[in-house]
Structures are given as C-alpha cells and as structure tokens.
Protein backbone atom coordinates (compact mmCIF):
# COMPACT_ATOMS: atom_id res chain seq x y z
CA MET A 1 -8.82 24.27 21.37
CA THR A 2 -9.21 20.56 20.63
CA ILE A 3 -8.04 18.99 17.39
CA ASP A 4 -8.92 15.68 15.80
CA THR A 5 -5.82 13.50 16.22
CA VAL A 6 -2.32 13.34 17.60
CA ILE A 7 0.01 10.58 16.44
CA ARG A 8 2.34 10.08 19.39
CA GLY A 9 5.69 8.43 19.97
CA GLY A 10 6.62 7.49 16.41
CA THR A 11 9.71 8.18 14.35
CA LEU A 12 8.85 10.73 11.68
CA VAL A 13 10.49 10.34 8.28
CA THR A 14 10.64 13.27 5.85
CA SER A 15 12.54 13.70 2.60
CA GLN A 16 15.46 15.16 4.59
CA ASN A 17 15.40 13.86 8.16
CA THR A 18 14.38 11.14 10.59
CA PHE A 19 13.42 12.24 14.11
CA THR A 20 11.20 11.39 17.04
CA SER A 21 8.22 13.72 17.40
CA ASP A 22 4.46 13.87 17.65
CA LEU A 23 2.26 14.91 14.77
CA ALA A 24 -1.09 16.72 14.99
CA VAL A 25 -3.94 16.41 12.50
CA ASP A 26 -7.13 18.45 12.25
CA ASP A 27 -9.84 18.56 9.57
CA GLY A 28 -7.82 16.39 7.21
CA THR A 29 -4.67 18.50 7.42
CA ILE A 30 -1.37 18.19 9.25
CA VAL A 31 -1.39 21.18 11.60
CA ALA A 32 1.72 20.78 13.74
CA ILE A 33 4.81 18.71 14.55
CA GLY A 34 6.37 18.88 17.99
CA ASP A 35 6.66 17.65 21.54
CA GLN A 36 3.42 16.40 23.13
CA HIS A 37 3.49 19.24 25.67
CA CYS A 38 3.40 21.80 22.86
CA LEU A 39 0.50 20.29 20.90
CA PRO A 40 -3.22 20.92 21.49
CA GLU A 41 -5.51 18.39 23.13
CA SER A 42 -6.98 15.90 20.69
CA ASP A 43 -10.10 13.79 20.40
CA GLU A 44 -7.96 10.78 19.52
CA THR A 45 -4.38 9.83 20.37
CA ILE A 46 -2.67 7.17 18.26
CA ASP A 47 0.26 5.29 19.77
CA ALA A 48 2.97 4.98 17.09
CA ALA A 49 5.75 3.74 19.40
CA GLY A 50 8.15 1.54 17.45
CA LEU A 51 6.69 2.64 14.11
CA LEU A 52 7.79 4.95 11.34
CA VAL A 53 5.42 7.83 10.55
CA MET A 54 5.79 8.49 6.83
CA PRO A 55 3.96 10.50 4.17
CA GLY A 56 1.59 8.45 2.07
CA VAL A 57 3.22 7.02 -1.04
CA VAL A 58 2.46 8.85 -4.30
CA ASP A 59 2.50 6.41 -7.22
CA PRO A 60 2.47 8.35 -10.50
CA HIS A 61 2.27 5.33 -12.79
CA VAL A 62 -0.70 2.98 -12.46
CA HIS A 63 -3.22 1.46 -14.87
CA ILE A 64 -6.80 0.97 -13.63
CA ASP A 65 -9.97 -0.25 -15.34
CA ASP A 66 -8.95 0.18 -18.97
CA HIS A 67 -7.72 -1.68 -22.06
CA VAL A 68 -4.65 -3.06 -20.24
CA SER A 69 -5.80 -3.55 -16.64
CA LEU A 70 -8.69 -5.50 -15.13
CA ASP A 71 -8.79 -3.76 -11.75
CA THR A 72 -11.72 -1.56 -10.84
CA TYR A 73 -11.01 1.60 -8.90
CA GLU A 74 -12.25 -0.14 -5.77
CA THR A 75 -9.93 -3.13 -6.11
CA ALA A 76 -6.85 -1.19 -7.26
CA THR A 77 -7.13 1.51 -4.62
CA SER A 78 -7.83 -1.09 -1.94
CA ALA A 79 -4.49 -2.63 -2.87
CA ALA A 80 -2.96 0.85 -2.80
CA ALA A 81 -4.29 1.67 0.66
CA LEU A 82 -3.10 -1.65 2.06
CA GLY A 83 0.32 -0.88 0.63
CA GLY A 84 0.60 2.62 2.08
CA VAL A 85 -0.18 4.39 -1.22
CA THR A 86 -2.50 7.36 -0.72
CA THR A 87 -2.35 8.98 -4.17
CA VAL A 88 -2.14 7.37 -7.60
CA ILE A 89 -1.97 8.87 -11.07
CA ASP A 90 -3.81 6.77 -13.65
CA PHE A 91 -4.30 7.34 -17.40
CA ALA A 92 -7.24 8.82 -19.28
CA TRP A 93 -7.03 7.55 -22.84
CA GLN A 94 -7.84 9.04 -26.20
CA SER A 95 -9.54 6.02 -27.77
CA TYR A 96 -8.39 4.53 -31.06
CA VAL A 97 -9.94 1.96 -33.40
CA SER A 98 -8.21 -1.12 -34.75
CA GLU A 99 -8.74 -4.87 -34.94
CA ASP A 100 -7.39 -5.29 -31.41
CA SER A 101 -8.72 -2.08 -29.90
CA PRO A 102 -11.30 -2.28 -27.09
CA TRP A 103 -13.05 0.81 -28.48
CA GLU A 104 -15.58 0.95 -31.31
CA GLU A 105 -15.04 4.58 -32.23
CA GLU A 106 -12.43 7.28 -31.87
CA LYS A 107 -13.10 9.67 -29.03
CA THR A 108 -11.31 12.68 -27.61
CA LEU A 109 -9.02 12.98 -24.63
CA GLN A 110 -11.68 15.07 -22.90
CA GLU A 111 -14.07 12.15 -23.19
CA GLY A 112 -11.40 9.83 -21.86
CA VAL A 113 -11.01 12.05 -18.81
CA LYS A 114 -14.76 12.06 -18.18
CA ARG A 115 -14.84 8.28 -18.49
CA LYS A 116 -12.01 7.74 -16.00
CA ARG A 117 -13.29 10.30 -13.49
CA LYS A 118 -16.64 8.51 -13.47
CA LYS A 119 -14.93 5.17 -12.90
CA GLY A 120 -13.00 6.71 -10.00
CA GLY A 121 -16.16 7.23 -7.97
CA ASN A 122 -15.35 4.17 -5.81
CA ALA A 123 -11.74 5.10 -5.12
CA LEU A 124 -10.36 4.52 -1.63
CA VAL A 125 -7.35 6.80 -2.16
CA ASP A 126 -6.94 10.07 -4.04
CA PHE A 127 -6.23 9.92 -7.77
CA GLY A 128 -5.06 12.12 -10.59
CA LEU A 129 -4.92 11.45 -14.32
CA HIS A 130 -2.37 11.69 -17.11
CA GLY A 131 -3.76 12.27 -20.57
CA GLY A 132 -2.91 9.39 -22.92
CA ILE A 133 -2.38 10.18 -26.63
CA LEU A 134 -2.84 7.03 -28.71
CA ARG A 135 -3.21 8.30 -32.30
CA GLU A 136 -1.68 10.89 -34.58
CA ASP A 137 -4.55 13.35 -34.77
CA PRO A 138 -3.53 17.05 -34.60
CA ALA A 139 -7.00 17.84 -33.23
CA VAL A 140 -5.68 16.75 -29.83
CA PHE A 141 -3.58 19.92 -29.71
CA ASP A 142 -6.76 21.96 -29.34
CA GLU A 143 -7.64 20.02 -26.17
CA LEU A 144 -4.40 20.45 -24.27
CA ALA A 145 -4.85 23.93 -22.78
CA SER A 146 -8.29 23.19 -21.31
CA LEU A 147 -7.14 19.82 -19.99
CA VAL A 148 -4.22 21.46 -18.22
CA GLU A 149 -6.57 24.01 -16.68
CA SER A 150 -8.73 21.14 -15.41
CA GLY A 151 -5.77 19.57 -13.59
CA ILE A 152 -4.47 17.14 -16.23
CA THR A 153 -0.92 18.48 -16.44
CA SER A 154 0.98 15.57 -18.01
CA PHE A 155 0.49 13.54 -21.18
CA LYS A 156 1.73 10.08 -22.11
CA MET A 157 2.80 8.72 -25.49
CA TYR A 158 4.16 5.38 -26.73
CA THR A 159 6.91 4.67 -29.23
CA THR A 160 5.80 1.05 -29.67
CA TYR A 161 2.70 -1.17 -29.97
CA GLU A 162 -0.07 -0.53 -32.47
CA PHE A 163 -0.83 2.80 -30.81
CA GLY A 164 2.78 3.98 -30.89
CA LEU A 165 3.48 7.43 -32.32
CA SER A 166 6.15 8.53 -34.77
CA ASN A 167 9.02 10.71 -33.59
CA GLY A 168 7.71 13.48 -35.81
CA PHE A 169 4.33 13.55 -34.13
CA ILE A 170 5.89 13.22 -30.67
CA HIS A 171 8.03 16.25 -31.54
CA ASP A 172 4.88 18.22 -32.34
CA VAL A 173 3.20 17.08 -29.12
CA LEU A 174 6.22 18.15 -27.08
CA GLU A 175 6.18 21.59 -28.70
CA GLU A 176 2.52 21.97 -27.77
CA LEU A 177 3.16 20.78 -24.22
CA ARG A 178 5.89 23.39 -23.85
CA GLU A 179 3.38 26.09 -24.78
CA VAL A 180 0.86 24.97 -22.13
CA ASP A 181 3.61 24.27 -19.57
CA ALA A 182 2.78 20.58 -19.18
CA VAL A 183 4.90 17.43 -18.86
CA GLY A 184 5.55 14.89 -21.59
CA VAL A 185 5.72 11.23 -20.58
CA ALA A 186 6.74 8.37 -22.84
CA HIS A 187 7.03 4.59 -22.95
CA THR A 188 10.26 4.20 -24.89
CA GLU A 189 11.18 1.06 -26.83
CA ASP A 190 12.15 1.09 -30.51
CA HIS A 191 9.20 -0.58 -32.18
CA SER A 192 10.92 -1.76 -35.36
CA VAL A 193 13.77 -3.41 -33.47
CA CYS A 194 11.38 -5.21 -31.08
CA GLU A 195 9.15 -6.35 -33.93
CA SER A 196 12.09 -7.60 -36.01
CA LEU A 197 13.62 -9.56 -33.15
CA THR A 198 10.24 -11.00 -32.14
CA ALA A 199 9.58 -12.19 -35.69
CA GLU A 200 13.04 -13.79 -35.86
CA LEU A 201 12.56 -15.63 -32.57
CA ARG A 202 9.09 -16.83 -33.50
CA ALA A 203 10.37 -18.11 -36.85
CA THR A 204 12.91 -20.27 -35.03
CA ASN A 205 10.35 -21.60 -32.49
CA ARG A 206 11.74 -19.74 -29.49
CA ASP A 207 8.45 -20.08 -27.60
CA GLU A 208 9.69 -20.02 -24.00
CA PRO A 209 9.03 -16.83 -21.99
CA THR A 210 12.76 -16.55 -21.32
CA TRP A 211 13.10 -15.10 -24.83
CA LEU A 212 11.09 -11.97 -24.00
CA PRO A 213 14.16 -9.95 -22.81
CA VAL A 214 15.94 -10.95 -26.03
CA ALA A 215 13.04 -9.69 -28.15
CA ARG A 216 12.81 -6.38 -26.27
CA PRO A 217 16.49 -5.72 -25.49
CA ASP A 218 18.03 -2.98 -23.41
CA TYR A 219 19.44 -1.24 -26.47
CA ALA A 220 15.98 -0.97 -28.06
CA GLU A 221 14.78 0.75 -24.91
CA ALA A 222 17.86 3.00 -24.89
CA MET A 223 17.43 3.96 -28.56
CA ALA A 224 13.91 5.26 -28.02
CA ALA A 225 14.78 6.81 -24.66
CA ASP A 226 17.56 8.75 -26.35
CA ASP A 227 15.29 9.91 -29.17
CA ILE A 228 12.54 11.29 -26.95
CA ALA A 229 14.89 12.85 -24.40
CA ARG A 230 16.71 14.60 -27.27
CA LEU A 231 13.41 15.89 -28.67
CA ALA A 232 12.42 17.17 -25.23
CA ARG A 233 15.75 18.92 -24.76
CA GLU A 234 15.58 20.49 -28.22
CA THR A 235 12.01 21.71 -27.74
CA GLY A 236 12.61 22.87 -24.16
CA THR A 237 9.80 20.72 -22.81
CA LYS A 238 9.53 19.05 -19.43
CA TYR A 239 9.96 15.33 -20.02
CA TYR A 240 9.65 12.33 -17.71
CA GLY A 241 10.90 8.94 -18.90
CA ILE A 242 8.84 6.17 -17.34
CA HIS A 243 9.76 2.66 -16.18
CA THR A 244 13.49 2.86 -16.92
CA SER A 245 14.66 -0.74 -16.68
CA CYS A 246 18.37 -0.77 -17.46
CA ARG A 247 21.76 0.89 -17.51
CA LYS A 248 21.61 1.85 -21.19
CA ALA A 249 18.24 3.63 -20.95
CA ALA A 250 19.27 5.48 -17.78
CA GLU A 251 22.46 6.57 -19.53
CA ALA A 252 20.36 7.94 -22.38
CA LEU A 253 18.34 10.12 -19.99
CA ALA A 254 21.48 11.27 -18.19
CA ARG A 255 22.97 12.41 -21.50
CA TYR A 256 20.38 15.17 -21.78
CA GLN A 257 20.24 16.28 -18.16
CA ARG A 258 22.07 19.44 -17.29
CA ASP A 259 20.97 19.44 -13.68
CA GLY A 260 18.06 17.02 -13.88
CA SER A 261 15.64 19.92 -14.21
CA LEU A 262 13.77 19.42 -17.49
CA ILE A 263 14.61 15.76 -18.13
CA ARG A 264 13.57 13.40 -15.36
CA GLY A 265 12.99 9.69 -15.05
CA GLU A 266 11.61 6.87 -12.96
CA THR A 267 12.23 3.24 -12.47
CA CYS A 268 9.90 0.67 -10.93
CA THR A 269 10.17 -1.53 -7.87
CA HIS A 270 10.43 -4.69 -9.97
CA TYR A 271 13.36 -3.35 -12.03
CA THR A 272 15.35 -2.74 -8.85
CA THR A 273 14.57 -6.08 -7.21
CA LEU A 274 13.94 -8.78 -9.83
CA THR A 275 15.90 -10.18 -12.78
CA LYS A 276 15.11 -12.03 -15.99
CA ASP A 277 15.61 -15.29 -14.08
CA ARG A 278 12.01 -14.77 -12.96
CA TYR A 279 10.86 -15.89 -16.42
CA GLU A 280 12.35 -19.31 -15.79
CA GLU A 281 10.58 -19.49 -12.44
CA LEU A 282 7.17 -17.99 -13.29
CA GLY A 283 6.84 -18.29 -17.06
CA ASN A 284 4.58 -15.63 -18.57
CA LEU A 285 3.40 -14.16 -15.27
CA PRO A 286 6.18 -11.50 -15.15
CA LYS A 287 5.55 -10.59 -18.81
CA ILE A 288 6.07 -6.84 -18.80
CA ALA A 289 7.52 -4.28 -21.19
CA PRO A 290 10.27 -3.32 -20.92
CA PRO A 291 11.11 -6.77 -19.54
CA LEU A 292 13.06 -7.64 -16.43
CA ARG A 293 16.81 -7.29 -16.92
CA SER A 294 20.01 -8.36 -15.12
CA SER A 295 21.40 -8.04 -11.61
CA ASP A 296 23.89 -5.52 -13.02
CA ASP A 297 20.95 -3.37 -14.12
CA ASN A 298 19.46 -3.67 -10.60
CA ASP A 299 22.69 -2.30 -9.16
CA VAL A 300 23.08 0.49 -11.70
CA LEU A 301 19.51 1.69 -11.26
CA PHE A 302 20.25 2.28 -7.58
CA GLU A 303 23.28 4.33 -8.55
CA TYR A 304 21.14 6.45 -10.86
CA LEU A 305 18.55 6.84 -8.10
CA ARG A 306 21.30 7.90 -5.74
CA ASN A 307 22.72 10.54 -8.08
CA GLY A 308 19.32 11.88 -9.16
CA THR A 309 19.29 10.85 -12.81
CA LEU A 310 16.24 8.81 -11.81
CA SER A 311 14.16 10.45 -9.10
CA VAL A 312 11.01 8.34 -8.65
CA VAL A 313 10.14 4.70 -7.96
CA SER A 314 6.68 3.67 -9.19
CA THR A 315 4.84 0.39 -9.77
CA ASP A 316 3.43 0.55 -13.33
CA HIS A 317 0.60 -1.42 -11.73
CA VAL A 318 -1.43 -3.55 -14.16
CA ALA A 319 -3.93 -6.15 -13.02
CA GLN A 320 -4.26 -9.32 -15.05
CA THR A 321 -5.22 -12.87 -14.18
CA ARG A 322 -3.06 -15.97 -14.21
CA GLU A 323 -5.42 -17.59 -16.73
CA ARG A 324 -5.07 -14.75 -19.25
CA LYS A 325 -1.31 -14.54 -18.85
CA GLU A 326 -0.71 -18.27 -19.17
CA ALA A 327 -3.09 -18.63 -22.13
CA SER A 328 -1.05 -16.20 -24.23
CA GLU A 329 2.41 -16.41 -25.77
CA TRP A 330 5.28 -14.23 -24.57
CA TRP A 331 4.90 -11.93 -27.58
CA GLU A 332 1.15 -11.42 -27.09
CA ASP A 333 -1.00 -9.31 -24.81
CA PRO A 334 -1.62 -9.03 -21.95
CA PHE A 335 1.51 -7.41 -20.53
CA GLY A 336 1.91 -5.94 -17.04
CA ALA A 337 2.10 -6.94 -13.38
CA ASN A 338 0.38 -5.75 -10.22
CA GLY A 339 2.45 -4.14 -7.47
CA LEU A 340 0.53 -1.48 -5.54
CA GLN A 341 0.02 -3.58 -2.42
CA THR A 342 3.61 -4.70 -1.99
CA SER A 343 5.79 -2.00 -3.55
CA LEU A 344 6.63 -0.06 -0.38
CA SER A 345 7.55 -3.17 1.60
CA VAL A 346 9.58 -4.67 -1.25
CA PHE A 347 11.49 -1.48 -2.04
CA HIS A 348 12.06 -0.76 1.65
CA ASP A 349 13.53 -4.22 2.17
CA GLU A 350 15.79 -3.91 -0.86
CA ALA A 351 16.87 -0.27 -0.54
CA VAL A 352 17.10 0.18 3.23
CA ASN A 353 17.64 -3.28 4.67
CA LYS A 354 19.84 -4.83 1.98
CA ARG A 355 21.58 -1.86 0.38
CA GLY A 356 21.82 0.52 3.33
CA PHE A 357 20.05 3.54 1.88
CA SER A 358 18.38 5.94 4.31
CA TYR A 359 14.73 6.37 5.15
CA PRO A 360 14.72 9.92 3.74
CA PHE A 361 16.01 8.40 0.47
CA LEU A 362 12.98 6.09 0.48
CA VAL A 363 10.55 8.95 1.17
CA ARG A 364 12.09 11.16 -1.51
CA LEU A 365 11.72 8.51 -4.21
CA MET A 366 8.26 7.21 -3.32
CA CYS A 367 6.53 10.23 -1.79
CA THR A 368 8.07 13.69 -2.12
CA ASN A 369 9.65 13.57 -5.58
CA PRO A 370 6.62 12.15 -7.42
CA ALA A 371 4.38 14.74 -5.76
CA GLN A 372 6.70 17.59 -6.72
CA THR A 373 7.28 16.23 -10.23
CA PHE A 374 3.58 16.05 -11.04
CA GLY A 375 2.13 19.13 -9.37
CA LEU A 376 0.78 17.77 -6.07
CA PRO A 377 2.02 20.30 -3.47
CA LYS A 378 -0.18 18.92 -0.68
CA LYS A 379 0.99 15.33 -1.10
CA GLY A 380 4.14 13.37 -0.30
CA THR A 381 5.16 15.38 2.76
CA LEU A 382 4.54 15.75 6.50
CA GLU A 383 4.74 19.55 6.37
CA PRO A 384 2.05 21.41 8.36
CA GLY A 385 -0.63 22.71 6.04
CA THR A 386 -0.55 19.68 3.74
CA ASP A 387 -2.95 16.75 3.47
CA ALA A 388 -2.77 14.31 6.36
CA ASP A 389 -1.91 11.35 4.13
CA ILE A 390 0.10 9.28 6.58
CA VAL A 391 1.47 5.75 6.78
CA LEU A 392 2.40 3.98 10.00
CA PHE A 393 5.08 1.49 9.01
CA ASP A 394 6.69 -1.26 11.07
CA PRO A 395 10.29 -1.54 9.85
CA ASN A 396 10.89 -4.77 11.76
CA GLU A 397 7.92 -6.95 10.84
CA THR A 398 8.83 -9.78 8.47
CA TYR A 399 6.32 -11.51 6.23
CA THR A 400 6.19 -13.58 3.04
CA ILE A 401 4.39 -12.15 0.02
CA SER A 402 1.55 -14.28 -1.32
CA ALA A 403 -1.12 -13.67 -3.96
CA ARG A 404 -3.64 -15.01 -1.45
CA ASP A 405 -3.51 -11.57 0.17
CA ASN A 406 -4.18 -9.60 -3.02
CA ALA A 407 -6.91 -6.97 -2.92
CA SER A 408 -6.35 -6.47 -6.64
CA VAL A 409 -8.24 -8.75 -9.02
CA ALA A 410 -4.84 -10.09 -10.06
CA ASP A 411 -4.59 -13.63 -8.69
CA TYR A 412 -0.80 -13.84 -8.83
CA THR A 413 2.19 -11.72 -7.82
CA ILE A 414 5.65 -11.59 -9.37
CA TYR A 415 6.97 -11.39 -5.79
CA GLU A 416 5.37 -14.71 -4.76
CA GLY A 417 7.31 -16.28 -1.89
CA ARG A 418 9.57 -13.28 -1.33
CA LYS A 419 10.29 -12.68 2.35
CA VAL A 420 10.47 -8.99 3.23
CA THR A 421 11.04 -7.05 6.43
CA GLY A 422 8.92 -3.95 6.78
CA ASN A 423 5.13 -3.77 6.66
CA VAL A 424 2.35 -1.17 6.52
CA LYS A 425 0.28 -1.15 9.69
CA ARG A 426 -2.09 1.78 9.07
CA THR A 427 -2.86 4.13 6.19
CA TYR A 428 -4.60 7.48 6.66
CA LEU A 429 -6.11 9.55 3.85
CA ARG A 430 -6.61 13.19 4.79
CA GLY A 431 -6.65 12.14 8.43
CA GLU A 432 -9.15 9.31 8.06
CA LEU A 433 -8.13 5.70 8.62
CA VAL A 434 -8.48 3.75 5.37
CA ALA A 435 -6.53 0.55 6.04
CA SER A 436 -5.48 -1.09 9.29
CA GLU A 437 -3.58 -4.30 9.98
CA GLY A 438 -4.15 -5.67 6.49
CA GLU A 439 -7.85 -4.79 6.30
CA ILE A 440 -9.73 -2.03 4.49
CA VAL A 441 -11.77 -0.10 7.06
CA ALA A 442 -13.11 2.77 4.95
CA LYS A 443 -15.96 2.82 2.46
CA PRO A 444 -15.35 3.07 -1.29
CA GLY A 445 -15.63 6.64 -2.48
CA CYS A 446 -13.53 8.28 0.22
CA GLY A 447 -10.83 8.95 -2.38
CA GLU A 448 -11.12 12.08 -4.50
CA PHE A 449 -9.97 13.27 -7.89
CA VAL A 450 -7.03 15.65 -7.46
CA ARG A 451 -6.61 18.54 -9.86
CA ARG A 452 -2.88 18.83 -10.33
CA LYS A 453 -1.05 22.10 -10.75
CA ARG A 454 1.47 22.88 -13.44
CA PRO A 455 4.63 21.48 -11.84
CA THR A 456 7.55 23.83 -11.37
CA TRP A 457 10.80 22.34 -12.63
CA ASN A 458 13.76 24.66 -12.40
CA ASP A 459 15.77 24.89 -15.60
CA SER A 460 19.55 25.04 -15.39
C-alpha cells in the first residue's frame, strides 16, 4: 500500500504534547503518526527537520467581504493561508436598512447565508459561518432550526452600534438558541455609556485618536459582558463572549462560569500584545472596538487564558485601507484591523518566546479549542482520521512585520515594524499545499464551506 505523503523528522505539537514523530497523510486525511519504519510507503516525503508540525489554525472570528470589511474571500483567505490559518468562521448577516446601512432592503438570515456562501467560492482555506442578527424581528426565530441543520450553529448579536439589540430581545434569542442547541455570540459594550462619553469628548474638541479608549472604556465593556453572560446563565444557553479586551470584562465572564462549560470567551492577538500607546504611534489605524487597553490588561488576559476563563485567541480580522481610516474621525466608521496573516507568529512570539507558555498551550488556544467550541471535530488536531490541515512552522526564524507583505487588501498593519521570532513555512489544507515560503501556490476555490455540528459543551 502506498499513501500520498509522509511528513518526516519534524516535532509534532498537539493540544497536550510535543514529540518527535512522522505523520502520514492520504486522500486529504491524517492516517497515522509513528516511526518511519512503521508507516507505509508514500508518493511524497516532506522533510520537516527543525520545524514544528502543528494543526492548522482555526480562527472563529473574521469579517470578509461585507459591510465592515473590504477583503474578498480570495484576499482574506490568502492572508489566512500565509499565516497558517486553515479554517475561518465568517459572518452571514441579516440585512437591515438605515441611513448608514449598505443594504437597500431587509432580508433574512437565510438569504445572508446564501450570499456569503456564494462569495466564498474563491476561498483558499475552509470556512464556516455564524449567523448575524442585526434587527429585532421575531421572524428570525423561525429560521434558526433550519439554519442549525444546515451547519450554521452559532449566532452573533451586538449590544452597541445602530444595529445593536436590546437586552430583552437578546434574552429571547438566547432562549430560542437553547431550544435548537446552538451557541450565542455577542459583541458587548454598553451603548449608552459609549455614546454619552463620545458626545462629551466631541463637545470638548478631544479629536485625537488617543481618546478612543476613554470613549469606550473597560467598564462599559464589562457592563455589557456581565449582562449577556447573566442572561445566558439564566436561560441555560451556550454563550461565547468575543474579543474580550480587559480585566474587567474577563472578570464578568468568570463570574458566571461554574466550570467554563456553558459560558466561554475569547480574546484576540492584539489585546494580548498591544496597548493604547499604539494610538499615539499610528493614529486612527488601530481604531477597533473594544479599543486597545493597558499593559496590565495584556498580563491579565494571559492569566485568564491560562486558567481557562478565556479559551480561544482569534483575530477579529477586518480589512480596511489607510485612506479610509485616516479620512475618518476616531468616533466614526470604519473600525477594525487585519490580522490573519500575522496572528500565529505574533502570538507565538509573545506567548511562547516572551512569556514562557508551552507549544501545546498555543495549539489549544488557536487550533483545538476553537474547533471544539464551534463544532468542527475534524479540525484543529493531528489525530488520525481528521482533516490533514497542517502547518510547518519554523520557531527560530526572525522577521519584521511590514504591510508590504499583506495579501489582504488592507495596506497597513497595526504590527508594523514589530520583530517576531517564529514563521509559517508551509500550510496544507486537507493534504494539499496551499502556501509555501510566503507564496500562495494553490488556486482560489480549493477551500470549502464546512457544515458545523452542534458543539458539545459539558454542563457542570
């Protein structure tokens, strides 16, 4: 018997261990791990000496080709592949109509899913979708069961912006999600507090981007995080708090966790590595919500990642251009920053090199946990029988991040000039080479839509 590929001589990293072994791939699937003498002959042998062999990164929080992000699926997933990300979860939006809305008529979530799946035809990595609920229309409840059956098993809401939902409606959504065994996801900042502070700062001519963290403070994030986590606990619904940026918001999630089972949370690479000083250095370019915080928050987020209160590190990838960012005020759209291409290297350098965390810690947060949290049993692991989504990573290569290398349409990076040690050398999607030595080598369309299962979260 001859199989497709053996990756030989590398150091395998799983969510629990690091060890030297060979890995065998056939027909897009990992088929065996073991000594070279125990594995079948292969058509191709890949020398991974000196490299880490890791599962492909699963990023459950990205924005592609929609009302907040300029990337196409080809550009965003090219950035993902170059950064070792082999699965992303994007958002399919229920459209709303307002003066600032990009849509001309209200349409259903089902139509949003169809729209995004069509746009994903040029994907270079696999992708799933969260449903995005942007208006208080009870008719959406009738869509949830069929969407879950079609592989959309999580649904996002906002507590702020013009499409933010009231706590009462979010309560009703969470009750419906409990009935269909899906996951609630929420962007949590208290809208009235942020609006009041923004108005006060504008009235006193506080026009510099350094005022953004003052206008959207940590306690506003914590207030809304507490509200939605409490609603999830009271309704018995799986809930995942996204882009936790600070101590106070993480504390709010922890308050409702018995064993971390039904209340979970993520942070993002930028919240663990950057501070609000970046606004002095880059102006509006790092304009994100919640905003960058303090070095104390950086440190505390790692503690909450260590103890499991937060269990995932994502990017919240949004592609914008320097021109659009710099032409707007700090209180205006567009918000967001790109990160798919650099997230693994940046987080590796911070978590492993600087803070001494283990490689299994890295894999748990960026690969295994997001896959388990969102119903992707064949992703985020090197277990035989799962998809051969594999990253060959050089832990010793040092390079300086520059927007010149962006595959995303974003022409800037909030990590500009940052020197990091650790770099992606090759990315494989279901056994096929997609990116190699900083170049895309596959054709657009090799990525597929992934129907996610209902995730199993054990209650306490």
